[in-house]
Amino acid sequence: SCLLHDIGTAEKFLATTYMSFEFKGAIVARDLILSLGGPEPE
């Protein structure tokens, strides 16, 4: 959560979505963790 909490402010994401950075970042984080084999509850 700490490592990814501001991922939505990254240049790659901040200006490429209409979503607030927290919401976009949360989606990016969830997708990343699942893609790396992390448990869905985590």
Full PDB file with SEQRES, HELIX, SHEET, SSBOND, CRYST1, ORIGX, SCALE, CONECT and MASTER records, all heavy atoms in Angstrom:
SEQRES   1 A   42  SER CYS LEU LEU HIS ASP ILE GLY THR ALA GLU LYS PHE          
SEQRES   2 A   42  LEU ALA THR THR TYR MET SER PHE GLU PHE LYS GLY ALA          
SEQRES   3 A   42  ILE VAL ALA ARG ASP LEU ILE LEU SER LEU GLY GLY PRO          
SEQRES   4 A   42  GLU PRO GLU                                                  
HELIX    1 AA1 ILE A    7  THR A    9  5                                   3    
HELIX    2 AA2 GLU A   11  LEU A   14  1                                   4    
HELIX    3 AA3 PHE A   21  SER A   35  1                                  15    
CRYST1    1.000    1.000    1.000  90.00  90.00  90.00 P 1           1          
ORIGX1      1.000000  0.000000  0.000000        0.00000                         
ORIGX2      0.000000  1.000000  0.000000        0.00000                         
ORIGX3      0.000000  0.000000  1.000000        0.00000                         
SCALE1      1.000000  0.000000  0.000000        0.00000                         
SCALE2      0.000000  1.000000  0.000000        0.00000                         
SCALE3      0.000000  0.000000  1.000000        0.00000                         
ATOM      1  N   SER A   1       0.832  -1.205   0.000  1.00  0.00           N  
ATOM      2  CA  SER A   1       0.000   0.000   0.000  1.00  0.00           C  
ATOM      3  C   SER A   1       0.865   1.253   0.000  1.00  0.00           C  
ATOM      4  O   SER A   1       0.569   2.219  -0.721  1.00  0.00           O  
ATOM      5  CB  SER A   1      -0.932   0.006   1.218  1.00  0.00           C  
ATOM      6  OG  SER A   1      -1.761  -1.130   1.239  1.00  0.00           O  
ATOM      7  N   CYS A   2       1.907   1.248   0.798  1.00  0.00           N  
ATOM      8  CA  CYS A   2       2.807   2.406   0.862  1.00  0.00           C  
ATOM      9  C   CYS A   2       3.507   2.634  -0.470  1.00  0.00           C  
ATOM     10  O   CYS A   2       3.549   3.753  -0.993  1.00  0.00           O  
ATOM     11  CB  CYS A   2       3.838   2.212   1.965  1.00  0.00           C  
ATOM     12  SG  CYS A   2       3.153   2.217   3.630  1.00  0.00           S  
ATOM     13  N   LEU A   3       4.072   1.571  -1.010  1.00  0.00           N  
ATOM     14  CA  LEU A   3       4.833   1.692  -2.254  1.00  0.00           C  
ATOM     15  C   LEU A   3       3.971   2.191  -3.411  1.00  0.00           C  
ATOM     16  O   LEU A   3       4.472   2.875  -4.315  1.00  0.00           O  
ATOM     17  CB  LEU A   3       5.449   0.344  -2.618  1.00  0.00           C  
ATOM     18  CG  LEU A   3       6.607  -0.120  -1.730  1.00  0.00           C  
ATOM     19  CD1 LEU A   3       6.929  -1.586  -1.999  1.00  0.00           C  
ATOM     20  CD2 LEU A   3       7.849   0.759  -1.960  1.00  0.00           C  
ATOM     21  N   LEU A   4       2.678   1.877  -3.383  1.00  0.00           N  
ATOM     22  CA  LEU A   4       1.807   2.184  -4.511  1.00  0.00           C  
ATOM     23  C   LEU A   4       0.776   3.269  -4.228  1.00  0.00           C  
ATOM     24  O   LEU A   4      -0.012   3.615  -5.121  1.00  0.00           O  
ATOM     25  CB  LEU A   4       1.090   0.906  -4.959  1.00  0.00           C  
ATOM     26  CG  LEU A   4       2.000  -0.207  -5.504  1.00  0.00           C  
ATOM     27  CD1 LEU A   4       1.189  -1.490  -5.718  1.00  0.00           C  
ATOM     28  CD2 LEU A   4       2.679   0.220  -6.802  1.00  0.00           C  
ATOM     29  N   HIS A   5       0.771   3.849  -3.027  1.00  0.00           N  
ATOM     30  CA  HIS A   5      -0.342   4.744  -2.697  1.00  0.00           C  
ATOM     31  C   HIS A   5      -0.368   6.005  -3.558  1.00  0.00           C  
ATOM     32  O   HIS A   5      -1.423   6.588  -3.783  1.00  0.00           O  
ATOM     33  CB  HIS A   5      -0.355   5.086  -1.195  1.00  0.00           C  
ATOM     34  CG  HIS A   5       0.612   6.150  -0.780  1.00  0.00           C  
ATOM     35  ND1 HIS A   5       1.957   5.906  -0.573  1.00  0.00           N  
ATOM     36  CD2 HIS A   5       0.427   7.467  -0.509  1.00  0.00           C  
ATOM     37  CE1 HIS A   5       2.555   7.023  -0.198  1.00  0.00           C  
ATOM     38  NE2 HIS A   5       1.650   7.991  -0.154  1.00  0.00           N  
ATOM     39  N   ASP A   6       0.789   6.424  -4.074  1.00  0.00           N  
ATOM     40  CA  ASP A   6       0.842   7.605  -4.936  1.00  0.00           C  
ATOM     41  C   ASP A   6       1.180   7.256  -6.380  1.00  0.00           C  
ATOM     42  O   ASP A   6       1.575   8.135  -7.146  1.00  0.00           O  
ATOM     43  CB  ASP A   6       1.866   8.612  -4.393  1.00  0.00           C  
ATOM     44  CG  ASP A   6       1.319   9.474  -3.273  1.00  0.00           C  
ATOM     45  OD1 ASP A   6       0.080   9.504  -3.088  1.00  0.00           O  
ATOM     46  OD2 ASP A   6       2.123  10.122  -2.567  1.00  0.00           O  
ATOM     47  N   ILE A   7       1.004   5.992  -6.762  1.00  0.00           N  
ATOM     48  CA  ILE A   7       1.342   5.594  -8.129  1.00  0.00           C  
ATOM     49  C   ILE A   7       0.485   6.360  -9.139  1.00  0.00           C  
ATOM     50  O   ILE A   7       0.906   6.609 -10.278  1.00  0.00           O  
ATOM     51  CB  ILE A   7       1.209   4.060  -8.322  1.00  0.00           C  
ATOM     52  CG1 ILE A   7       1.960   3.606  -9.584  1.00  0.00           C  
ATOM     53  CG2 ILE A   7      -0.250   3.629  -8.341  1.00  0.00           C  
ATOM     54  CD1 ILE A   7       3.454   3.743  -9.506  1.00  0.00           C  
ATOM     55  N   GLY A   8      -0.697   6.774  -8.735  1.00  0.00           N  
ATOM     56  CA  GLY A   8      -1.567   7.536  -9.616  1.00  0.00           C  
ATOM     57  C   GLY A   8      -1.047   8.921  -9.940  1.00  0.00           C  
ATOM     58  O   GLY A   8      -1.563   9.583 -10.862  1.00  0.00           O  
ATOM     59  N   THR A   9      -0.024   9.400  -9.207  1.00  0.00           N  
ATOM     60  CA  THR A   9       0.581  10.699  -9.520  1.00  0.00           C  
ATOM     61  C   THR A   9       1.726  10.566 -10.514  1.00  0.00           C  
ATOM     62  O   THR A   9       2.281  11.580 -10.950  1.00  0.00           O  
ATOM     63  CB  THR A   9       1.125  11.392  -8.249  1.00  0.00           C  
ATOM     64  OG1 THR A   9       2.252  10.649  -7.737  1.00  0.00           O  
ATOM     65  CG2 THR A   9       0.051  11.508  -7.180  1.00  0.00           C  
ATOM     66  N   ALA A  10       2.096   9.339 -10.855  1.00  0.00           N  
ATOM     67  CA  ALA A  10       3.189   9.129 -11.806  1.00  0.00           C  
ATOM     68  C   ALA A  10       2.827   9.748 -13.151  1.00  0.00           C  
ATOM     69  O   ALA A  10       1.658   9.811 -13.544  1.00  0.00           O  
ATOM     70  CB  ALA A  10       3.475   7.641 -11.963  1.00  0.00           C  
ATOM     71  N   GLU A  11       3.844  10.189 -13.864  1.00  0.00           N  
ATOM     72  CA  GLU A  11       3.632  10.827 -15.167  1.00  0.00           C  
ATOM     73  C   GLU A  11       2.804   9.936 -16.098  1.00  0.00           C  
ATOM     74  O   GLU A  11       1.985  10.422 -16.879  1.00  0.00           O  
ATOM     75  CB  GLU A  11       4.984  11.145 -15.797  1.00  0.00           C  
ATOM     76  CG  GLU A  11       4.893  11.908 -17.099  1.00  0.00           C  
ATOM     77  CD  GLU A  11       6.251  12.302 -17.641  1.00  0.00           C  
ATOM     78  OE1 GLU A  11       7.255  12.153 -16.925  1.00  0.00           O  
ATOM     79  OE2 GLU A  11       6.306  12.762 -18.808  1.00  0.00           O  
ATOM     80  N   LYS A  12       3.012   8.641 -15.990  1.00  0.00           N  
ATOM     81  CA  LYS A  12       2.324   7.677 -16.849  1.00  0.00           C  
ATOM     82  C   LYS A  12       0.819   7.663 -16.624  1.00  0.00           C  
ATOM     83  O   LYS A  12       0.055   7.271 -17.517  1.00  0.00           O  
ATOM     84  CB  LYS A  12       2.910   6.290 -16.579  1.00  0.00           C  
ATOM     85  CG  LYS A  12       2.402   5.165 -17.456  1.00  0.00           C  
ATOM     86  CD  LYS A  12       3.186   3.896 -17.151  1.00  0.00           C  
ATOM     87  CE  LYS A  12       2.741   2.728 -18.004  1.00  0.00           C  
ATOM     88  NZ  LYS A  12       3.569   1.511 -17.719  1.00  0.00           N  
ATOM     89  N   PHE A  13       0.362   8.102 -15.434  1.00  0.00           N  
ATOM     90  CA  PHE A  13      -1.047   7.946 -15.075  1.00  0.00           C  
ATOM     91  C   PHE A  13      -1.785   9.249 -14.802  1.00  0.00           C  
ATOM     92  O   PHE A  13      -2.975   9.348 -15.089  1.00  0.00           O  
ATOM     93  CB  PHE A  13      -1.173   7.031 -13.846  1.00  0.00           C  
ATOM     94  CG  PHE A  13      -0.540   5.683 -14.019  1.00  0.00           C  
ATOM     95  CD1 PHE A  13       0.539   5.290 -13.233  1.00  0.00           C  
ATOM     96  CD2 PHE A  13      -1.006   4.800 -14.985  1.00  0.00           C  
ATOM     97  CE1 PHE A  13       1.127   4.050 -13.389  1.00  0.00           C  
ATOM     98  CE2 PHE A  13      -0.422   3.550 -15.150  1.00  0.00           C  
ATOM     99  CZ  PHE A  13       0.648   3.173 -14.351  1.00  0.00           C  
ATOM    100  N   LEU A  14      -1.128  10.256 -14.209  1.00  0.00           N  
ATOM    101  CA  LEU A  14      -1.848  11.421 -13.690  1.00  0.00           C  
ATOM    102  C   LEU A  14      -2.648  12.142 -14.768  1.00  0.00           C  
ATOM    103  O   LEU A  14      -3.820  12.476 -14.560  1.00  0.00           O  
ATOM    104  CB  LEU A  14      -0.873  12.401 -13.019  1.00  0.00           C  
ATOM    105  CG  LEU A  14      -1.525  13.620 -12.358  1.00  0.00           C  
ATOM    106  CD1 LEU A  14      -2.425  13.201 -11.202  1.00  0.00           C  
ATOM    107  CD2 LEU A  14      -0.467  14.609 -11.862  1.00  0.00           C  
ATOM    108  N   ALA A  15      -2.024  12.391 -15.911  1.00  0.00           N  
ATOM    109  CA  ALA A  15      -2.675  13.177 -16.959  1.00  0.00           C  
ATOM    110  C   ALA A  15      -3.276  12.314 -18.059  1.00  0.00           C  
ATOM    111  O   ALA A  15      -3.697  12.832 -19.100  1.00  0.00           O  
ATOM    112  CB  ALA A  15      -1.677  14.166 -17.555  1.00  0.00           C  
ATOM    113  N   THR A  16      -3.333  11.013 -17.828  1.00  0.00           N  
ATOM    114  CA  THR A  16      -3.858  10.111 -18.865  1.00  0.00           C  
ATOM    115  C   THR A  16      -5.193   9.490 -18.451  1.00  0.00           C  
ATOM    116  O   THR A  16      -5.655   8.553 -19.085  1.00  0.00           O  
ATOM    117  CB  THR A  16      -2.842   8.992 -19.179  1.00  0.00           C  
ATOM    118  OG1 THR A  16      -2.576   8.247 -17.984  1.00  0.00           O  
ATOM    119  CG2 THR A  16      -1.545   9.583 -19.715  1.00  0.00           C  
ATOM    120  N   THR A  17      -5.783   9.999 -17.385  1.00  0.00           N  
ATOM    121  CA  THR A  17      -7.079   9.505 -16.927  1.00  0.00           C  
ATOM    122  C   THR A  17      -7.883  10.671 -16.383  1.00  0.00           C  
ATOM    123  O   THR A  17      -7.318  11.660 -15.882  1.00  0.00           O  
ATOM    124  CB  THR A  17      -6.913   8.442 -15.827  1.00  0.00           C  
ATOM    125  OG1 THR A  17      -8.208   8.018 -15.379  1.00  0.00           O  
ATOM    126  CG2 THR A  17      -6.165   8.995 -14.625  1.00  0.00           C  
ATOM    127  N   TYR A  18      -9.207  10.557 -16.467  1.00  0.00           N  
ATOM    128  CA  TYR A  18     -10.080  11.557 -15.860  1.00  0.00           C  
ATOM    129  C   TYR A  18     -10.310  11.264 -14.379  1.00  0.00           C  
ATOM    130  O   TYR A  18     -10.865  12.099 -13.667  1.00  0.00           O  
ATOM    131  CB  TYR A  18     -11.431  11.582 -16.589  1.00  0.00           C  
ATOM    132  CG  TYR A  18     -11.362  12.161 -17.983  1.00  0.00           C  
ATOM    133  CD1 TYR A  18     -11.379  11.332 -19.091  1.00  0.00           C  
ATOM    134  CD2 TYR A  18     -11.280  13.541 -18.189  1.00  0.00           C  
ATOM    135  CE1 TYR A  18     -11.311  11.855 -20.381  1.00  0.00           C  
ATOM    136  CE2 TYR A  18     -11.211  14.076 -19.461  1.00  0.00           C  
ATOM    137  CZ  TYR A  18     -11.227  13.227 -20.553  1.00  0.00           C  
ATOM    138  OH  TYR A  18     -11.156  13.752 -21.822  1.00  0.00           O  
ATOM    139  N   MET A  19      -9.892  10.104 -13.925  1.00  0.00           N  
ATOM    140  CA  MET A  19     -10.098   9.735 -12.526  1.00  0.00           C  
ATOM    141  C   MET A  19      -9.147  10.477 -11.596  1.00  0.00           C  
ATOM    142  O   MET A  19      -8.025  10.821 -11.975  1.00  0.00           O  
ATOM    143  CB  MET A  19      -9.909   8.224 -12.341  1.00  0.00           C  
ATOM    144  CG  MET A  19     -11.054   7.398 -12.832  1.00  0.00           C  
ATOM    145  SD  MET A  19     -10.873   5.640 -12.383  1.00  0.00           S  
ATOM    146  CE  MET A  19      -9.591   5.160 -13.517  1.00  0.00           C  
ATOM    147  N   SER A  20      -9.571  10.673 -10.368  1.00  0.00           N  
ATOM    148  CA  SER A  20      -8.689  11.187  -9.328  1.00  0.00           C  
ATOM    149  C   SER A  20      -7.520  10.224  -9.143  1.00  0.00           C  
ATOM    150  O   SER A  20      -7.667   9.013  -9.323  1.00  0.00           O  
ATOM    151  CB  SER A  20      -9.450  11.326  -8.012  1.00  0.00           C  
ATOM    152  OG  SER A  20     -10.564  12.180  -8.162  1.00  0.00           O  
ATOM    153  N   PHE A  21      -6.363  10.774  -8.761  1.00  0.00           N  
ATOM    154  CA  PHE A  21      -5.160   9.942  -8.746  1.00  0.00           C  
ATOM    155  C   PHE A  21      -5.275   8.761  -7.789  1.00  0.00           C  
ATOM    156  O   PHE A  21      -4.722   7.687  -8.051  1.00  0.00           O  
ATOM    157  CB  PHE A  21      -3.918  10.785  -8.439  1.00  0.00           C  
ATOM    158  CG  PHE A  21      -3.600  10.982  -6.985  1.00  0.00           C  
ATOM    159  CD1 PHE A  21      -2.856  10.043  -6.275  1.00  0.00           C  
ATOM    160  CD2 PHE A  21      -4.013  12.117  -6.307  1.00  0.00           C  
ATOM    161  CE1 PHE A  21      -2.545  10.227  -4.933  1.00  0.00           C  
ATOM    162  CE2 PHE A  21      -3.706  12.321  -4.965  1.00  0.00           C  
ATOM    163  CZ  PHE A  21      -2.970  11.370  -4.285  1.00  0.00           C  
ATOM    164  N   GLU A  22      -5.990   8.923  -6.661  1.00  0.00           N  
ATOM    165  CA  GLU A  22      -6.117   7.814  -5.716  1.00  0.00           C  
ATOM    166  C   GLU A  22      -6.863   6.635  -6.343  1.00  0.00           C  
ATOM    167  O   GLU A  22      -6.502   5.476  -6.134  1.00  0.00           O  
ATOM    168  CB  GLU A  22      -6.866   8.245  -4.449  1.00  0.00           C  
ATOM    169  CG  GLU A  22      -6.297   9.459  -3.740  1.00  0.00           C  
ATOM    170  CD  GLU A  22      -7.018  10.726  -4.140  1.00  0.00           C  
ATOM    171  OE1 GLU A  22      -7.351  10.871  -5.342  1.00  0.00           O  
ATOM    172  OE2 GLU A  22      -7.258  11.565  -3.264  1.00  0.00           O  
ATOM    173  N   PHE A  23      -7.915   6.938  -7.092  1.00  0.00           N  
ATOM    174  CA  PHE A  23      -8.748   5.892  -7.669  1.00  0.00           C  
ATOM    175  C   PHE A  23      -8.029   5.171  -8.816  1.00  0.00           C  
ATOM    176  O   PHE A  23      -8.045   3.940  -8.890  1.00  0.00           O  
ATOM    177  CB  PHE A  23     -10.085   6.475  -8.137  1.00  0.00           C  
ATOM    178  CG  PHE A  23     -10.877   7.087  -7.010  1.00  0.00           C  
ATOM    179  CD1 PHE A  23     -10.772   8.433  -6.712  1.00  0.00           C  
ATOM    180  CD2 PHE A  23     -11.702   6.303  -6.224  1.00  0.00           C  
ATOM    181  CE1 PHE A  23     -11.480   8.989  -5.657  1.00  0.00           C  
ATOM    182  CE2 PHE A  23     -12.428   6.849  -5.165  1.00  0.00           C  
ATOM    183  CZ  PHE A  23     -12.313   8.201  -4.882  1.00  0.00           C  
ATOM    184  N   LYS A  24      -7.406   5.957  -9.685  1.00  0.00           N  
ATOM    185  CA  LYS A  24      -6.620   5.342 -10.756  1.00  0.00           C  
ATOM    186  C   LYS A  24      -5.478   4.527 -10.160  1.00  0.00           C  
ATOM    187  O   LYS A  24      -5.216   3.383 -10.588  1.00  0.00           O  
ATOM    188  CB  LYS A  24      -6.063   6.421 -11.683  1.00  0.00           C  
ATOM    189  CG  LYS A  24      -5.138   5.893 -12.782  1.00  0.00           C  
ATOM    190  CD  LYS A  24      -5.868   4.980 -13.752  1.00  0.00           C  
ATOM    191  CE  LYS A  24      -4.956   4.579 -14.906  1.00  0.00           C  
ATOM    192  NZ  LYS A  24      -5.651   3.698 -15.877  1.00  0.00           N  
ATOM    193  N   GLY A  25      -4.798   5.093  -9.169  1.00  0.00           N  
ATOM    194  CA  GLY A  25      -3.683   4.383  -8.552  1.00  0.00           C  
ATOM    195  C   GLY A  25      -4.108   3.093  -7.888  1.00  0.00           C  
ATOM    196  O   GLY A  25      -3.395   2.081  -7.944  1.00  0.00           O  
ATOM    197  N   ALA A  26      -5.281   3.104  -7.272  1.00  0.00           N  
ATOM    198  CA  ALA A  26      -5.781   1.902  -6.610  1.00  0.00           C  
ATOM    199  C   ALA A  26      -6.049   0.792  -7.622  1.00  0.00           C  
ATOM    200  O   ALA A  26      -5.766  -0.388  -7.367  1.00  0.00           O  
ATOM    201  CB  ALA A  26      -7.059   2.226  -5.838  1.00  0.00           C  
ATOM    202  N   ILE A  27      -6.593   1.156  -8.777  1.00  0.00           N  
ATOM    203  CA  ILE A  27      -6.844   0.169  -9.827  1.00  0.00           C  
ATOM    204  C   ILE A  27      -5.528  -0.383 -10.369  1.00  0.00           C  
ATOM    205  O   ILE A  27      -5.381  -1.604 -10.556  1.00  0.00           O  
ATOM    206  CB  ILE A  27      -7.693   0.797 -10.951  1.00  0.00           C  
ATOM    207  CG1 ILE A  27      -9.095   1.134 -10.428  1.00  0.00           C  
ATOM    208  CG2 ILE A  27      -7.772  -0.133 -12.160  1.00  0.00           C  
ATOM    209  CD1 ILE A  27      -9.908   1.995 -11.359  1.00  0.00           C  
ATOM    210  N   VAL A  28      -4.582   0.510 -10.625  1.00  0.00           N  
ATOM    211  CA  VAL A  28      -3.259   0.076 -11.099  1.00  0.00           C  
ATOM    212  C   VAL A  28      -2.627  -0.878 -10.092  1.00  0.00           C  
ATOM    213  O   VAL A  28      -2.083  -1.928 -10.460  1.00  0.00           O  
ATOM    214  CB  VAL A  28      -2.341   1.291 -11.335  1.00  0.00           C  
ATOM    215  CG1 VAL A  28      -0.900   0.852 -11.592  1.00  0.00           C  
ATOM    216  CG2 VAL A  28      -2.847   2.128 -12.507  1.00  0.00           C  
ATOM    217  N   ALA A  29      -2.718  -0.532  -8.810  1.00  0.00           N  
ATOM    218  CA  ALA A  29      -2.112  -1.351  -7.762  1.00  0.00           C  
ATOM    219  C   ALA A  29      -2.755  -2.731  -7.698  1.00  0.00           C  
ATOM    220  O   ALA A  29      -2.056  -3.756  -7.616  1.00  0.00           O  
ATOM    221  CB  ALA A  29      -2.243  -0.642  -6.415  1.00  0.00           C  
ATOM    222  N   ARG A  30      -4.076  -2.763  -7.716  1.00  0.00           N  
ATOM    223  CA  ARG A  30      -4.770  -4.059  -7.630  1.00  0.00           C  
ATOM    224  C   ARG A  30      -4.421  -4.938  -8.826  1.00  0.00           C  
ATOM    225  O   ARG A  30      -4.114  -6.129  -8.671  1.00  0.00           O  
ATOM    226  CB  ARG A  30      -6.282  -3.844  -7.544  1.00  0.00           C  
ATOM    227  CG  ARG A  30      -7.078  -5.132  -7.304  1.00  0.00           C  
ATOM    228  CD  ARG A  30      -8.571  -4.843  -7.192  1.00  0.00           C  
ATOM    229  NE  ARG A  30      -9.300  -6.039  -6.763  1.00  0.00           N  
ATOM    230  CZ  ARG A  30      -9.705  -7.005  -7.575  1.00  0.00           C  
ATOM    231  NH1 ARG A  30      -9.438  -6.921  -8.878  1.00  0.00           N  
ATOM    232  NH2 ARG A  30     -10.355  -8.060  -7.107  1.00  0.00           N  
ATOM    233  N   ASP A  31      -4.469  -4.362 -10.020  1.00  0.00           N  
ATOM    234  CA  ASP A  31      -4.143  -5.135 -11.220  1.00  0.00           C  
ATOM    235  C   ASP A  31      -2.703  -5.654 -11.166  1.00  0.00           C  
ATOM    236  O   ASP A  31      -2.426  -6.798 -11.552  1.00  0.00           O  
ATOM    237  CB  ASP A  31      -4.334  -4.279 -12.470  1.00  0.00           C  
ATOM    238  CG  ASP A  31      -5.801  -4.020 -12.797  1.00  0.00           C  
ATOM    239  OD1 ASP A  31      -6.674  -4.688 -12.205  1.00  0.00           O  
ATOM    240  OD2 ASP A  31      -6.073  -3.139 -13.644  1.00  0.00           O  
ATOM    241  N   LEU A  32      -1.791  -4.813 -10.701  1.00  0.00           N  
ATOM    242  CA  LEU A  32      -0.376  -5.208 -10.631  1.00  0.00           C  
ATOM    243  C   LEU A  32      -0.188  -6.375  -9.672  1.00  0.00           C  
ATOM    244  O   LEU A  32       0.475  -7.374 -10.011  1.00  0.00           O  
ATOM    245  CB  LEU A  32       0.474  -4.014 -10.185  1.00  0.00           C  
ATOM    246  CG  LEU A  32       1.959  -4.315  -9.958  1.00  0.00           C  
ATOM    247  CD1 LEU A  32       2.648  -4.698 -11.264  1.00  0.00           C  
ATOM    248  CD2 LEU A  32       2.654  -3.113  -9.300  1.00  0.00           C  
ATOM    249  N   ILE A  33      -0.751  -6.270  -8.481  1.00  0.00           N  
ATOM    250  CA  ILE A  33      -0.577  -7.318  -7.476  1.00  0.00           C  
ATOM    251  C   ILE A  33      -1.145  -8.640  -7.967  1.00  0.00           C  
ATOM    252  O   ILE A  33      -0.527  -9.701  -7.819  1.00  0.00           O  
ATOM    253  CB  ILE A  33      -1.214  -6.884  -6.140  1.00  0.00           C  
ATOM    254  CG1 ILE A  33      -0.405  -5.719  -5.540  1.00  0.00           C  
ATOM    255  CG2 ILE A  33      -1.283  -8.049  -5.151  1.00  0.00           C  
ATOM    256  CD1 ILE A  33      -1.108  -5.010  -4.408  1.00  0.00           C  
ATOM    257  N   LEU A  34      -2.313  -8.590  -8.587  1.00  0.00           N  
ATOM    258  CA  LEU A  34      -2.905  -9.816  -9.116  1.00  0.00           C  
ATOM    259  C   LEU A  34      -2.060 -10.387 -10.255  1.00  0.00           C  
ATOM    260  O   LEU A  34      -1.882 -11.604 -10.355  1.00  0.00           O  
ATOM    261  CB  LEU A  34      -4.334  -9.549  -9.597  1.00  0.00           C  
ATOM    262  CG  LEU A  34      -5.364  -9.241  -8.500  1.00  0.00           C  
ATOM    263  CD1 LEU A  34      -6.709  -8.885  -9.120  1.00  0.00           C  
ATOM    264  CD2 LEU A  34      -5.511 -10.412  -7.526  1.00  0.00           C  
ATOM    265  N   SER A  35      -1.520  -9.513 -11.099  1.00  0.00           N  
ATOM    266  CA  SER A  35      -0.698  -9.989 -12.213  1.00  0.00           C  
ATOM    267  C   SER A  35       0.585 -10.646 -11.738  1.00  0.00           C  
ATOM    268  O   SER A  35       1.166 -11.485 -12.435  1.00  0.00           O  
ATOM    269  CB  SER A  35      -0.360  -8.835 -13.162  1.00  0.00           C  
ATOM    270  OG  SER A  35       0.625  -7.971 -12.608  1.00  0.00           O  
ATOM    271  N   LEU A  36       1.035 -10.277 -10.543  1.00  0.00           N  
ATOM    272  CA  LEU A  36       2.253 -10.851  -9.967  1.00  0.00           C  
ATOM    273  C   LEU A  36       1.959 -12.082  -9.099  1.00  0.00           C  
ATOM    274  O   LEU A  36       2.854 -12.609  -8.453  1.00  0.00           O  
ATOM    275  CB  LEU A  36       2.984  -9.788  -9.138  1.00  0.00           C  
ATOM    276  CG  LEU A  36       3.531  -8.593  -9.927  1.00  0.00           C  
ATOM    277  CD1 LEU A  36       4.052  -7.522  -8.978  1.00  0.00           C  
ATOM    278  CD2 LEU A  36       4.637  -9.032 -10.887  1.00  0.00           C  
ATOM    279  N   GLY A  37       0.706 -12.505  -9.077  1.00  0.00           N  
ATOM    280  CA  GLY A  37       0.333 -13.703  -8.327  1.00  0.00           C  
ATOM    281  C   GLY A  37      -0.039 -13.455  -6.887  1.00  0.00           C  
ATOM    282  O   GLY A  37      -0.161 -14.412  -6.108  1.00  0.00           O  
ATOM    283  N   GLY A  38      -0.253 -12.199  -6.515  1.00  0.00           N  
ATOM    284  CA  GLY A  38      -0.654 -11.897  -5.145  1.00  0.00           C  
ATOM    285  C   GLY A  38      -2.072 -12.360  -4.866  1.00  0.00           C  
ATOM    286  O   GLY A  38      -2.905 -12.426  -5.776  1.00  0.00           O  
ATOM    287  N   PRO A  39      -2.386 -12.681  -3.612  1.00  0.00           N  
ATOM    288  CA  PRO A  39      -3.745 -13.127  -3.258  1.00  0.00           C  
ATOM    289  C   PRO A  39      -4.768 -12.007  -3.483  1.00  0.00           C  
ATOM    290  O   PRO A  39      -4.477 -10.833  -3.225  1.00  0.00           O  
ATOM    291  CB  PRO A  39      -3.629 -13.465  -1.770  1.00  0.00           C  
ATOM    292  CG  PRO A  39      -2.166 -13.550  -1.474  1.00  0.00           C  
ATOM    293  CD  PRO A  39      -1.480 -12.661  -2.446  1.00  0.00           C  
ATOM    294  N   GLU A  40      -5.938 -12.377  -3.951  1.00  0.00           N  
ATOM    295  CA  GLU A  40      -6.955 -11.364  -4.215  1.00  0.00           C  
ATOM    296  C   GLU A  40      -7.346 -10.565  -2.962  1.00  0.00           C  
ATOM    297  O   GLU A  40      -7.512  -9.342  -3.049  1.00  0.00           O  
ATOM    298  CB  GLU A  40      -8.195 -11.992  -4.846  1.00  0.00           C  
ATOM    299  CG  GLU A  40      -9.217 -10.964  -5.295  1.00  0.00           C  
ATOM    300  CD  GLU A  40     -10.329 -11.552  -6.150  1.00  0.00           C  
ATOM    301  OE1 GLU A  40     -10.352 -12.792  -6.325  1.00  0.00           O  
ATOM    302  OE2 GLU A  40     -11.170 -10.777  -6.633  1.00  0.00           O  
ATOM    303  N   PRO A  41      -7.482 -11.193  -1.775  1.00  0.00           N  
ATOM    304  CA  PRO A  41      -7.796 -10.385  -0.588  1.00  0.00           C  
ATOM    305  C   PRO A  41      -6.712  -9.346  -0.289  1.00  0.00           C  
ATOM    306  O   PRO A  41      -7.025  -8.237   0.156  1.00  0.00           O  
ATOM    307  CB  PRO A  41      -7.889 -11.424   0.533  1.00  0.00           C  
ATOM    308  CG  PRO A  41      -8.228 -12.696  -0.152  1.00  0.00           C  
ATOM    309  CD  PRO A  41      -7.508 -12.639  -1.461  1.00  0.00           C  
ATOM    310  N   GLU A  42      -5.461  -9.690  -0.534  1.00  0.00           N  
ATOM    311  CA  GLU A  42      -4.389  -8.725  -0.315  1.00  0.00           C  
ATOM    312  C   GLU A  42      -4.477  -7.584  -1.320  1.00  0.00           C  
ATOM    313  O   GLU A  42      -4.337  -6.406  -0.960  1.00  0.00           O  
ATOM    314  CB  GLU A  42      -3.027  -9.409  -0.411  1.00  0.00           C  
ATOM    315  CG  GLU A  42      -1.859  -8.484  -0.105  1.00  0.00           C  
ATOM    316  CD  GLU A  42      -0.550  -9.225   0.073  1.00  0.00           C  
ATOM    317  OE1 GLU A  42      -0.337 -10.236  -0.646  1.00  0.00           O  
ATOM    318  OE2 GLU A  42       0.275  -8.813   0.904  1.00  0.00           O  
TER     319      GLU A  42                                                      
MASTER        0    0    0    3    0    0    0    6  318    1    0    4          
END                                                                             
